[in-house]
Amino acid sequence: MATEYGQGYGSQGTFDLDERRRHRLPAALRAPLAARSWRELGYVLLSLPISIMLFTYAITMVSLGAGLLITFLGVPVLAAALAGCRGFGALERARARRLLDLDVADPEPLRMKKNGPMAWMGAVLKSGASWRHLLYAVLHFPWAVFSFVVALNFWAYGWALLTYPLWFWLFPMYGGGGGLQLYGDEHHRIYLDNPFEITVTALVGLLFTLATPWIVRALTMVDRLMVHGLLGPSKLATRVVELESDRGVVVDTAAADLRRIERDLHDGAQARLVALAMDLGLAKEKLTEDPQAAARMVGEAHGEVKTALQELRDLARGIHPAVLTDRGLDAALSSVASRCTVPVQVDVDLPSRPAAAIEGIAYFTVSELLQNISKHAKATWAAVDVWRVENRLMLQVVDNGVGGADASGGSGLAGLAGRLDAVDGILVVDSPAGGPTRITAELPWRG
């Protein structure tokens, strides 16, 4: 295993060395030849013909539909105009994804209560995404004209001036002049024809060439904002999707908790109580025949009762302990820490108590993390810190164990992350191999 890891590390080290050699030049000097710069320039140049088609379509169809609104024909024309704009929007999202590396999700779909052309037209006309696509068609045209002119001029003049020493000889040979004409009137003319002027011209072209990728990138930032803001899903629709997903997570988590409680009761306390009832029945039969054996069996049953009670306490504590309800997080987390296999320092600094649901999730999160430390971390100490930052409840659990904790996949940390995400919380895991491990959770306060 060590050999394989060493080989992988060596390969990665060689790759990183090649990358450093390849990128030895500063980013400002690499930009004119970088693939990203050419993709962004291609995006700007393509924007003009596409925006002309989109603007012409949108204005023509909307004008026609508005003019026909005095008849019923205006409604389907307007609906077709908006549907066409949505189709162009899909093209623009794909173009931005390919050339700008901007991944924008599709807008919210049309919501139709029933099928049919009338329902479809009503859904298109009532959709906010449709009207945002129309707004994009109108606003993008003047911006596409401006960005096309600026980008093309900077790019063309930059490369033309930079390569001027290679082609200035065309003027005296074929153009009848000494070179590029810097100034001219009826009496005299100034040409860029001596070595000094040619060198200065090339240096000016170099400045233009180096500046062009950054100017084009600044222009495409506006395109990014327009595509993201007008062609993507609205904030409300995105929030609805998140809430629907979170509701599913909450339902799944609740079902998993119920299955866990049922399993623990069936395999733990219930099995012990059944065995206890059988032992007491045998002891009752032997009470008259063999009192000593009966007494011994009653003693064993008494031990089973204590064990079953302890399991029931642990199960109830894992659901929602009474100390959490009565005394809050400080006392509840101190109780959890006292049962951990390593010394745990608990520091809770809260001005008041958060909402009961948030308090319960915070308790469950710390409890799970301390159980992971007991089972897997091989640590000698741990610390739990809880504090409030504005309207957020912050939790941090640190240990000096072997590290390597990973929240991806199907681990318990992934379940914790899903539980926190269901209430707009965040779980951040920092656990390099060899330790230490630092896990930070952030929850809404909701006091």
Protein backbone atom coordinates (compact mmCIF):
# COMPACT_ATOMS: atom_id res chain seq x y z
CA MET A 1 0.00 0.00 0.00
CA ALA A 2 2.85 2.34 0.83
CA THR A 3 4.51 1.57 -2.51
CA GLU A 4 1.35 2.38 -4.44
CA TYR A 5 0.88 5.61 -2.51
CA GLY A 6 4.50 6.57 -3.14
CA GLN A 7 4.15 5.91 -6.85
CA GLY A 8 1.00 7.99 -7.03
CA TYR A 9 2.67 10.79 -5.16
CA GLY A 10 5.66 10.69 -7.52
CA SER A 11 3.42 10.84 -10.57
CA GLN A 12 1.52 13.75 -9.10
CA GLY A 13 4.77 15.49 -8.25
CA THR A 14 5.99 15.12 -11.85
CA PHE A 15 2.67 16.44 -13.10
CA ASP A 16 2.86 19.48 -10.80
CA LEU A 17 6.44 20.15 -11.94
CA ASP A 18 5.33 20.07 -15.57
CA GLU A 19 2.51 22.45 -14.75
CA ARG A 20 4.90 24.86 -13.03
CA ARG A 21 7.24 24.78 -16.01
CA ARG A 22 4.37 25.30 -18.39
CA HIS A 23 3.07 28.25 -16.37
CA ARG A 24 6.42 29.84 -15.65
CA LEU A 25 5.31 32.92 -17.60
CA PRO A 26 3.05 35.36 -15.74
CA ALA A 27 -0.66 35.17 -16.45
CA ALA A 28 -0.58 38.59 -18.18
CA LEU A 29 1.86 37.27 -20.79
CA ARG A 30 0.07 33.94 -21.26
CA ALA A 31 -3.39 35.47 -21.67
CA PRO A 32 -3.22 36.39 -25.42
CA LEU A 33 -2.52 32.75 -26.35
CA ALA A 34 -4.62 31.06 -23.64
CA ALA A 35 -7.53 28.89 -24.77
CA ARG A 36 -9.87 30.67 -22.38
CA SER A 37 -9.11 34.04 -24.00
CA TRP A 38 -9.90 32.71 -27.46
CA ARG A 39 -13.13 31.11 -26.24
CA GLU A 40 -14.23 34.39 -24.68
CA LEU A 41 -13.36 36.28 -27.86
CA GLY A 42 -15.34 33.74 -29.86
CA TYR A 43 -18.29 34.25 -27.52
CA VAL A 44 -18.21 38.01 -28.04
CA LEU A 45 -17.91 37.72 -31.82
CA LEU A 46 -20.79 35.21 -32.01
CA SER A 47 -22.96 37.38 -29.78
CA LEU A 48 -23.56 39.97 -32.51
CA PRO A 49 -25.21 37.76 -35.16
CA ILE A 50 -27.11 35.77 -32.55
CA SER A 51 -28.36 38.90 -30.78
CA ILE A 52 -29.45 40.41 -34.11
CA MET A 53 -31.57 37.34 -34.85
CA LEU A 54 -32.95 37.21 -31.31
CA PHE A 55 -33.70 40.94 -31.14
CA THR A 56 -35.36 40.94 -34.56
CA TYR A 57 -37.48 37.91 -33.69
CA ALA A 58 -38.51 39.26 -30.30
CA ILE A 59 -39.42 42.78 -31.46
CA THR A 60 -41.24 41.56 -34.55
CA MET A 61 -43.28 38.91 -32.77
CA VAL A 62 -44.12 41.04 -29.74
CA SER A 63 -45.12 43.99 -31.94
CA LEU A 64 -47.28 41.73 -34.06
CA GLY A 65 -48.85 40.11 -31.02
CA ALA A 66 -49.52 43.45 -29.34
CA GLY A 67 -51.09 44.80 -32.51
CA LEU A 68 -53.36 41.77 -32.78
CA LEU A 69 -54.50 41.84 -29.16
CA ILE A 70 -57.71 43.50 -30.23
CA THR A 71 -58.47 40.08 -31.69
CA PHE A 72 -57.86 36.70 -30.17
CA LEU A 73 -54.94 36.08 -32.55
CA GLY A 74 -52.67 38.32 -30.45
CA VAL A 75 -52.61 35.88 -27.56
CA PRO A 76 -51.12 32.87 -29.41
CA VAL A 77 -48.68 35.18 -31.22
CA LEU A 78 -47.42 36.58 -27.91
CA ALA A 79 -47.21 33.07 -26.48
CA ALA A 80 -45.21 31.94 -29.52
CA ALA A 81 -42.92 34.96 -29.13
CA LEU A 82 -42.18 34.09 -25.51
CA ALA A 83 -41.74 30.40 -26.31
CA GLY A 84 -39.27 31.28 -29.07
CA CYS A 85 -37.33 33.48 -26.65
CA ARG A 86 -37.15 30.55 -24.25
CA GLY A 87 -35.72 28.44 -27.08
CA PHE A 88 -33.09 31.07 -27.81
CA GLY A 89 -32.37 31.15 -24.08
CA ALA A 90 -31.54 27.44 -24.12
CA LEU A 91 -29.09 28.15 -26.97
CA GLU A 92 -27.51 31.00 -25.01
CA ARG A 93 -27.12 28.86 -21.88
CA ALA A 94 -25.41 26.15 -23.94
CA ARG A 95 -23.14 28.73 -25.57
CA ALA A 96 -22.19 30.23 -22.21
CA ARG A 97 -21.55 26.75 -20.82
CA ARG A 98 -19.25 25.85 -23.72
CA LEU A 99 -17.36 29.12 -24.20
CA LEU A 100 -17.53 30.84 -20.80
CA ASP A 101 -17.57 27.79 -18.50
CA LEU A 102 -20.75 29.23 -16.99
CA ASP A 103 -23.15 26.48 -15.97
CA VAL A 104 -26.61 27.98 -15.55
CA ALA A 105 -29.50 25.71 -14.68
CA ASP A 106 -32.63 25.65 -16.79
CA PRO A 107 -35.42 27.96 -15.61
CA GLU A 108 -38.44 26.62 -13.84
CA PRO A 109 -40.69 24.59 -16.20
CA LEU A 110 -44.12 25.70 -17.24
CA ARG A 111 -46.80 24.80 -14.70
CA MET A 112 -49.99 23.72 -16.43
CA LYS A 113 -52.97 22.58 -14.40
CA LYS A 114 -54.39 20.74 -17.41
CA ASN A 115 -53.38 19.83 -20.95
CA GLY A 116 -54.31 21.68 -24.10
CA PRO A 117 -53.21 24.67 -26.18
CA MET A 118 -55.11 27.18 -24.04
CA ALA A 119 -53.48 25.91 -20.87
CA TRP A 120 -50.07 26.03 -22.57
CA MET A 121 -50.54 29.63 -23.73
CA GLY A 122 -51.68 30.67 -20.27
CA ALA A 123 -48.69 29.00 -18.65
CA VAL A 124 -46.25 30.67 -21.06
CA LEU A 125 -47.77 34.11 -20.56
CA LYS A 126 -47.88 33.77 -16.77
CA SER A 127 -44.33 32.45 -16.46
CA GLY A 128 -41.86 35.00 -15.15
CA ALA A 129 -39.02 33.11 -16.84
CA SER A 130 -40.62 33.73 -20.25
CA TRP A 131 -40.68 37.48 -19.73
CA ARG A 132 -37.10 37.45 -18.43
CA HIS A 133 -36.04 35.72 -21.66
CA LEU A 134 -37.81 38.46 -23.64
CA LEU A 135 -36.01 41.11 -21.58
CA TYR A 136 -32.70 39.39 -22.32
CA ALA A 137 -33.46 39.47 -26.05
CA VAL A 138 -34.04 43.22 -25.92
CA LEU A 139 -31.16 44.19 -23.60
CA HIS A 140 -28.50 41.92 -25.05
CA PHE A 141 -28.59 43.43 -28.53
CA PRO A 142 -27.08 46.88 -27.74
CA TRP A 143 -24.55 45.29 -25.40
CA ALA A 144 -23.56 42.74 -28.06
CA VAL A 145 -22.98 45.56 -30.56
CA PHE A 146 -20.83 47.48 -28.11
CA SER A 147 -18.77 44.49 -26.95
CA PHE A 148 -18.29 43.27 -30.55
CA VAL A 149 -16.92 46.63 -31.70
CA VAL A 150 -14.63 47.06 -28.67
CA ALA A 151 -13.28 43.50 -28.72
CA LEU A 152 -12.75 43.33 -32.48
CA ASN A 153 -10.99 46.70 -32.65
CA PHE A 154 -8.66 45.98 -29.75
CA TRP A 155 -7.86 42.52 -31.08
CA ALA A 156 -7.32 43.61 -34.70
CA TYR A 157 -5.29 46.75 -33.93
CA GLY A 158 -3.24 44.93 -31.30
CA TRP A 159 -2.12 42.09 -33.55
CA ALA A 160 -1.73 44.38 -36.58
CA LEU A 161 0.59 46.75 -34.73
CA LEU A 162 2.46 43.93 -33.02
CA THR A 163 3.26 42.29 -36.34
CA TYR A 164 3.97 45.59 -38.12
CA PRO A 165 7.73 44.83 -38.43
CA LEU A 166 6.79 41.77 -40.50
CA TRP A 167 4.61 43.51 -43.09
CA PHE A 168 5.55 47.22 -43.19
CA TRP A 169 7.52 46.57 -46.41
CA LEU A 170 4.22 46.16 -48.26
CA PHE A 171 3.66 49.95 -48.20
CA PRO A 172 6.76 51.07 -50.12
CA MET A 173 6.53 48.11 -52.46
CA TYR A 174 2.80 48.12 -53.27
CA GLY A 175 1.19 51.09 -51.54
CA GLY A 176 3.30 53.98 -52.75
CA GLY A 177 4.11 55.15 -49.20
CA GLY A 178 6.86 54.71 -46.67
CA GLY A 179 4.68 52.85 -44.18
CA LEU A 180 1.67 53.45 -41.95
CA GLN A 181 0.70 57.12 -42.23
CA LEU A 182 0.61 58.70 -38.81
CA TYR A 183 -0.26 62.20 -40.08
CA GLY A 184 -0.78 63.84 -43.43
CA ASP A 185 -2.00 67.06 -45.04
CA GLU A 186 -1.47 68.92 -48.33
CA HIS A 187 2.15 69.82 -47.56
CA HIS A 188 3.74 66.89 -45.76
CA ARG A 189 3.09 63.42 -44.39
CA ILE A 190 4.51 61.42 -41.48
CA TYR A 191 5.08 57.70 -41.96
CA LEU A 192 6.16 55.04 -39.47
CA ASP A 193 9.05 53.85 -41.55
CA ASN A 194 12.34 54.00 -39.60
CA PRO A 195 13.52 51.25 -37.20
CA PHE A 196 12.78 53.28 -34.07
CA GLU A 197 9.21 54.07 -35.13
CA ILE A 198 8.61 50.50 -36.23
CA THR A 199 9.84 49.23 -32.86
CA VAL A 200 7.66 51.68 -30.95
CA THR A 201 4.67 50.66 -33.08
CA ALA A 202 5.28 47.00 -32.26
CA LEU A 203 5.55 47.81 -28.54
CA VAL A 204 2.24 49.69 -28.66
CA GLY A 205 0.74 46.68 -30.42
CA LEU A 206 2.15 44.43 -27.69
CA LEU A 207 0.39 46.53 -25.04
CA PHE A 208 -2.86 46.33 -26.97
CA THR A 209 -2.44 42.57 -27.43
CA LEU A 210 -1.75 42.00 -23.75
CA ALA A 211 -4.67 44.18 -22.69
CA THR A 212 -7.22 42.70 -25.11
CA PRO A 213 -7.89 39.40 -23.23
CA TRP A 214 -8.60 41.28 -20.01
CA ILE A 215 -10.85 43.78 -21.77
CA VAL A 216 -12.74 40.93 -23.41
CA ARG A 217 -12.99 39.16 -20.05
CA ALA A 218 -14.46 42.30 -18.49
CA LEU A 219 -16.98 42.49 -21.33
CA THR A 220 -17.99 38.86 -20.86
CA MET A 221 -18.56 39.47 -17.15
CA VAL A 222 -21.61 41.51 -18.13
CA ASP A 223 -22.74 38.63 -20.37
CA ARG A 224 -22.32 36.26 -17.45
CA LEU A 225 -24.50 38.45 -15.25
CA MET A 226 -27.18 38.72 -17.92
CA VAL A 227 -27.24 34.99 -18.66
CA HIS A 228 -27.26 34.05 -14.98
CA GLY A 229 -29.80 36.67 -13.94
CA LEU A 230 -32.24 36.53 -16.86
CA LEU A 231 -31.94 33.06 -18.39
CA GLY A 232 -31.57 30.96 -15.24
CA PRO A 233 -34.12 30.02 -12.59
CA SER A 234 -35.37 32.77 -10.32
CA LYS A 235 -34.28 32.93 -6.70
CA LEU A 236 -37.80 31.99 -5.61
CA ALA A 237 -37.88 28.93 -7.88
CA THR A 238 -34.42 27.88 -6.73
CA ARG A 239 -35.51 28.24 -3.13
CA VAL A 240 -38.63 26.15 -3.77
CA VAL A 241 -36.50 23.37 -5.28
CA GLU A 242 -34.15 23.52 -2.28
CA LEU A 243 -37.06 23.34 0.15
CA GLU A 244 -38.58 20.40 -1.72
CA SER A 245 -35.24 18.60 -1.56
CA ASP A 246 -34.82 19.46 2.12
CA ARG A 247 -38.32 18.19 2.85
CA GLY A 248 -37.38 14.88 1.27
CA VAL A 249 -34.22 14.73 3.37
CA VAL A 250 -36.19 15.46 6.54
CA VAL A 251 -38.73 12.73 5.73
CA ASP A 252 -35.97 10.22 4.97
CA THR A 253 -34.08 11.16 8.13
CA ALA A 254 -37.18 10.82 10.28
CA ALA A 255 -37.94 7.42 8.73
CA ALA A 256 -34.35 6.28 9.33
CA ASP A 257 -34.53 7.43 12.95
CA LEU A 258 -37.77 5.53 13.47
CA ARG A 259 -36.22 2.38 11.98
CA ARG A 260 -33.17 2.79 14.20
CA ILE A 261 -35.32 3.19 17.32
CA GLU A 262 -37.45 0.18 16.35
CA ARG A 263 -34.32 -1.91 15.69
CA ASP A 264 -32.70 -0.89 18.98
CA LEU A 265 -35.87 -1.66 20.90
CA HIS A 266 -36.38 -5.01 19.17
CA ASP A 267 -32.77 -6.20 19.38
CA GLY A 268 -31.94 -4.63 22.73
CA ALA A 269 -34.39 -3.88 25.50
CA GLN A 270 -37.27 -5.94 24.09
CA ALA A 271 -35.11 -9.06 23.71
CA ARG A 272 -33.78 -8.64 27.24
CA LEU A 273 -37.28 -8.20 28.67
CA VAL A 274 -38.46 -11.37 26.89
CA ALA A 275 -35.50 -13.29 28.29
CA LEU A 276 -36.18 -11.75 31.70
CA ALA A 277 -39.82 -12.94 31.63
CA MET A 278 -38.68 -16.47 30.76
CA ASP A 279 -36.06 -16.46 33.55
CA LEU A 280 -38.60 -15.25 36.09
CA GLY A 281 -41.03 -17.96 34.96
CA LEU A 282 -38.37 -20.64 35.48
CA ALA A 283 -37.47 -19.14 38.85
CA LYS A 284 -41.13 -19.25 39.87
CA GLU A 285 -41.31 -22.98 39.00
CA LYS A 286 -38.15 -23.73 40.97
CA LEU A 287 -39.11 -21.60 43.96
CA THR A 288 -40.59 -24.54 45.90
CA GLU A 289 -38.31 -27.29 44.57
CA ASP A 290 -34.91 -25.53 44.65
CA PRO A 291 -35.01 -22.16 46.46
CA GLN A 292 -31.27 -21.56 46.00
CA ALA A 293 -31.44 -22.02 42.21
CA ALA A 294 -34.53 -19.82 42.13
CA ALA A 295 -32.71 -17.10 44.11
CA ARG A 296 -29.74 -17.30 41.74
CA MET A 297 -32.04 -16.97 38.73
CA VAL A 298 -33.80 -13.98 40.32
CA GLY A 299 -30.40 -12.32 40.86
CA GLU A 300 -29.51 -12.85 37.22
CA ALA A 301 -32.88 -11.43 36.23
CA HIS A 302 -32.19 -8.39 38.41
CA GLY A 303 -28.97 -7.80 36.47
CA GLU A 304 -30.84 -8.11 33.19
CA VAL A 305 -33.35 -5.52 34.41
CA LYS A 306 -30.53 -3.06 35.13
CA THR A 307 -29.02 -3.65 31.70
CA ALA A 308 -32.38 -3.19 29.98
CA LEU A 309 -32.98 0.04 31.90
CA GLN A 310 -29.56 1.35 30.87
CA GLU A 311 -30.26 0.54 27.23
CA LEU A 312 -33.62 2.32 27.45
CA ARG A 313 -31.91 5.36 29.00
CA ASP A 314 -29.31 5.41 26.23
CA LEU A 315 -32.00 5.08 23.60
CA ALA A 316 -34.08 7.92 25.11
CA ARG A 317 -30.93 10.02 25.47
CA GLY A 318 -30.16 9.50 21.79
CA ILE A 319 -33.66 10.72 20.82
CA HIS A 320 -33.95 13.83 22.96
CA PRO A 321 -32.54 13.76 26.49
CA ALA A 322 -34.44 15.37 29.33
CA VAL A 323 -31.36 17.34 30.39
CA LEU A 324 -31.38 19.11 27.01
CA THR A 325 -34.98 20.22 27.49
CA ASP A 326 -34.47 21.24 31.10
CA ARG A 327 -31.00 22.82 31.11
CA GLY A 328 -29.95 23.42 27.50
CA LEU A 329 -26.94 22.58 25.36
CA ASP A 330 -24.25 23.24 27.94
CA ALA A 331 -25.43 20.58 30.39
CA ALA A 332 -26.51 18.15 27.65
CA LEU A 333 -23.19 18.29 25.81
CA SER A 334 -21.26 17.97 29.07
CA SER A 335 -23.25 14.81 29.78
CA VAL A 336 -22.40 13.42 26.31
CA ALA A 337 -18.74 14.34 26.74
CA SER A 338 -18.55 12.50 30.06
CA ARG A 339 -19.45 9.25 28.29
CA CYS A 340 -16.80 9.65 25.57
CA THR A 341 -13.78 7.32 25.76
CA VAL A 342 -11.33 10.27 25.62
CA PRO A 343 -11.21 13.45 27.72
CA VAL A 344 -13.39 16.13 26.13
CA GLN A 345 -13.29 19.84 26.93
CA VAL A 346 -16.69 21.49 26.41
CA ASP A 347 -17.03 25.25 25.99
CA VAL A 348 -20.54 26.60 25.35
CA ASP A 349 -20.85 30.38 25.03
CA LEU A 350 -24.47 31.21 24.18
CA PRO A 351 -26.37 34.32 25.32
CA SER A 352 -29.67 32.45 25.15
CA ARG A 353 -31.15 29.21 23.88
CA PRO A 354 -31.92 28.65 20.17
CA ALA A 355 -35.11 27.08 18.89
CA ALA A 356 -35.81 23.62 20.31
CA ALA A 357 -35.48 21.94 16.90
CA ILE A 358 -32.09 23.60 16.25
CA GLU A 359 -30.97 22.72 19.77
CA GLY A 360 -31.87 19.09 19.17
CA ILE A 361 -29.98 18.94 15.87
CA ALA A 362 -26.94 20.56 17.48
CA TYR A 363 -27.02 18.01 20.31
CA PHE A 364 -27.39 15.10 17.88
CA THR A 365 -24.54 16.40 15.71
CA VAL A 366 -22.07 16.71 18.60
CA SER A 367 -23.19 13.35 19.99
CA GLU A 368 -22.53 11.62 16.65
CA LEU A 369 -19.16 13.30 16.24
CA LEU A 370 -18.06 12.27 19.73
CA GLN A 371 -19.16 8.69 19.02
CA ASN A 372 -17.02 8.74 15.88
CA ILE A 373 -14.07 9.93 17.96
CA SER A 374 -14.60 7.10 20.44
CA LYS A 375 -14.84 4.45 17.71
CA HIS A 376 -12.47 5.55 14.94
CA ALA A 377 -10.26 8.53 15.79
CA LYS A 378 -7.72 6.87 18.15
CA ALA A 379 -7.45 10.26 19.83
CA THR A 380 -6.20 11.15 23.30
CA TRP A 381 -8.22 14.34 23.70
CA ALA A 382 -11.08 16.25 22.06
CA ALA A 383 -12.73 19.65 22.40
CA VAL A 384 -16.24 20.92 21.72
CA ASP A 385 -16.90 24.64 21.20
CA VAL A 386 -20.35 26.15 20.73
CA TRP A 387 -20.97 29.84 20.12
CA ARG A 388 -23.23 32.25 18.28
CA VAL A 389 -22.28 34.53 15.37
CA GLU A 390 -25.10 36.94 14.49
CA ASN A 391 -28.03 34.69 13.53
CA ARG A 392 -26.00 31.46 13.22
CA LEU A 393 -25.21 28.76 15.76
CA MET A 394 -21.64 27.50 15.37
CA LEU A 395 -20.36 24.10 16.52
CA GLN A 396 -16.78 22.88 16.34
CA VAL A 397 -15.44 19.49 17.38
CA VAL A 398 -11.65 18.96 17.35
CA ASP A 399 -9.58 15.87 18.15
CA ASN A 400 -5.93 14.86 17.80
CA GLY A 401 -6.66 11.48 16.24
CA VAL A 402 -5.42 9.84 13.05
CA GLY A 403 -7.58 11.99 10.74
CA GLY A 404 -8.81 10.89 7.36
CA ALA A 405 -12.49 11.62 8.04
CA ASP A 406 -14.46 12.05 4.83
CA ALA A 407 -17.98 13.42 4.42
CA SER A 408 -18.39 12.04 0.90
CA GLY A 409 -19.99 8.74 -0.01
CA GLY A 410 -22.32 7.00 2.38
CA SER A 411 -20.48 7.69 5.62
CA GLY A 412 -22.09 8.89 8.82
CA LEU A 413 -20.68 12.34 8.19
CA ALA A 414 -22.61 12.45 4.91
CA GLY A 415 -25.80 11.74 6.86
CA LEU A 416 -24.97 14.54 9.28
CA ALA A 417 -24.33 16.90 6.38
CA GLY A 418 -27.71 16.01 4.88
CA ARG A 419 -29.47 16.54 8.21
CA LEU A 420 -27.86 19.97 8.59
CA ASP A 421 -28.58 20.93 4.98
CA ALA A 422 -32.27 20.22 5.57
CA VAL A 423 -32.39 23.21 7.95
CA ASP A 424 -30.03 25.46 5.92
CA GLY A 425 -27.00 24.30 7.88
CA ILE A 426 -23.46 23.53 6.74
CA LEU A 427 -20.95 20.85 7.74
CA VAL A 428 -17.26 21.47 6.98
CA VAL A 429 -14.74 18.66 7.54
CA ASP A 430 -11.00 19.37 7.79
CA SER A 431 -9.30 16.05 8.48
CA PRO A 432 -5.94 15.50 6.79
CA ALA A 433 -4.30 12.09 7.07
CA GLY A 434 -2.45 11.94 10.37
CA GLY A 435 -4.76 14.49 11.97
CA PRO A 436 -5.86 16.58 13.63
CA THR A 437 -9.54 16.56 12.69
CA ARG A 438 -11.60 19.74 12.86
CA ILE A 439 -15.29 19.52 12.03
CA THR A 440 -17.33 22.71 11.99
CA ALA A 441 -21.11 22.84 11.80
CA GLU A 442 -23.19 25.94 11.18
CA LEU A 443 -26.91 26.11 11.93
CA PRO A 444 -29.51 28.88 11.76
CA TRP A 445 -30.26 30.33 15.18
CA ARG A 446 -34.06 30.67 14.98
CA GLY A 447 -34.42 31.60 18.60
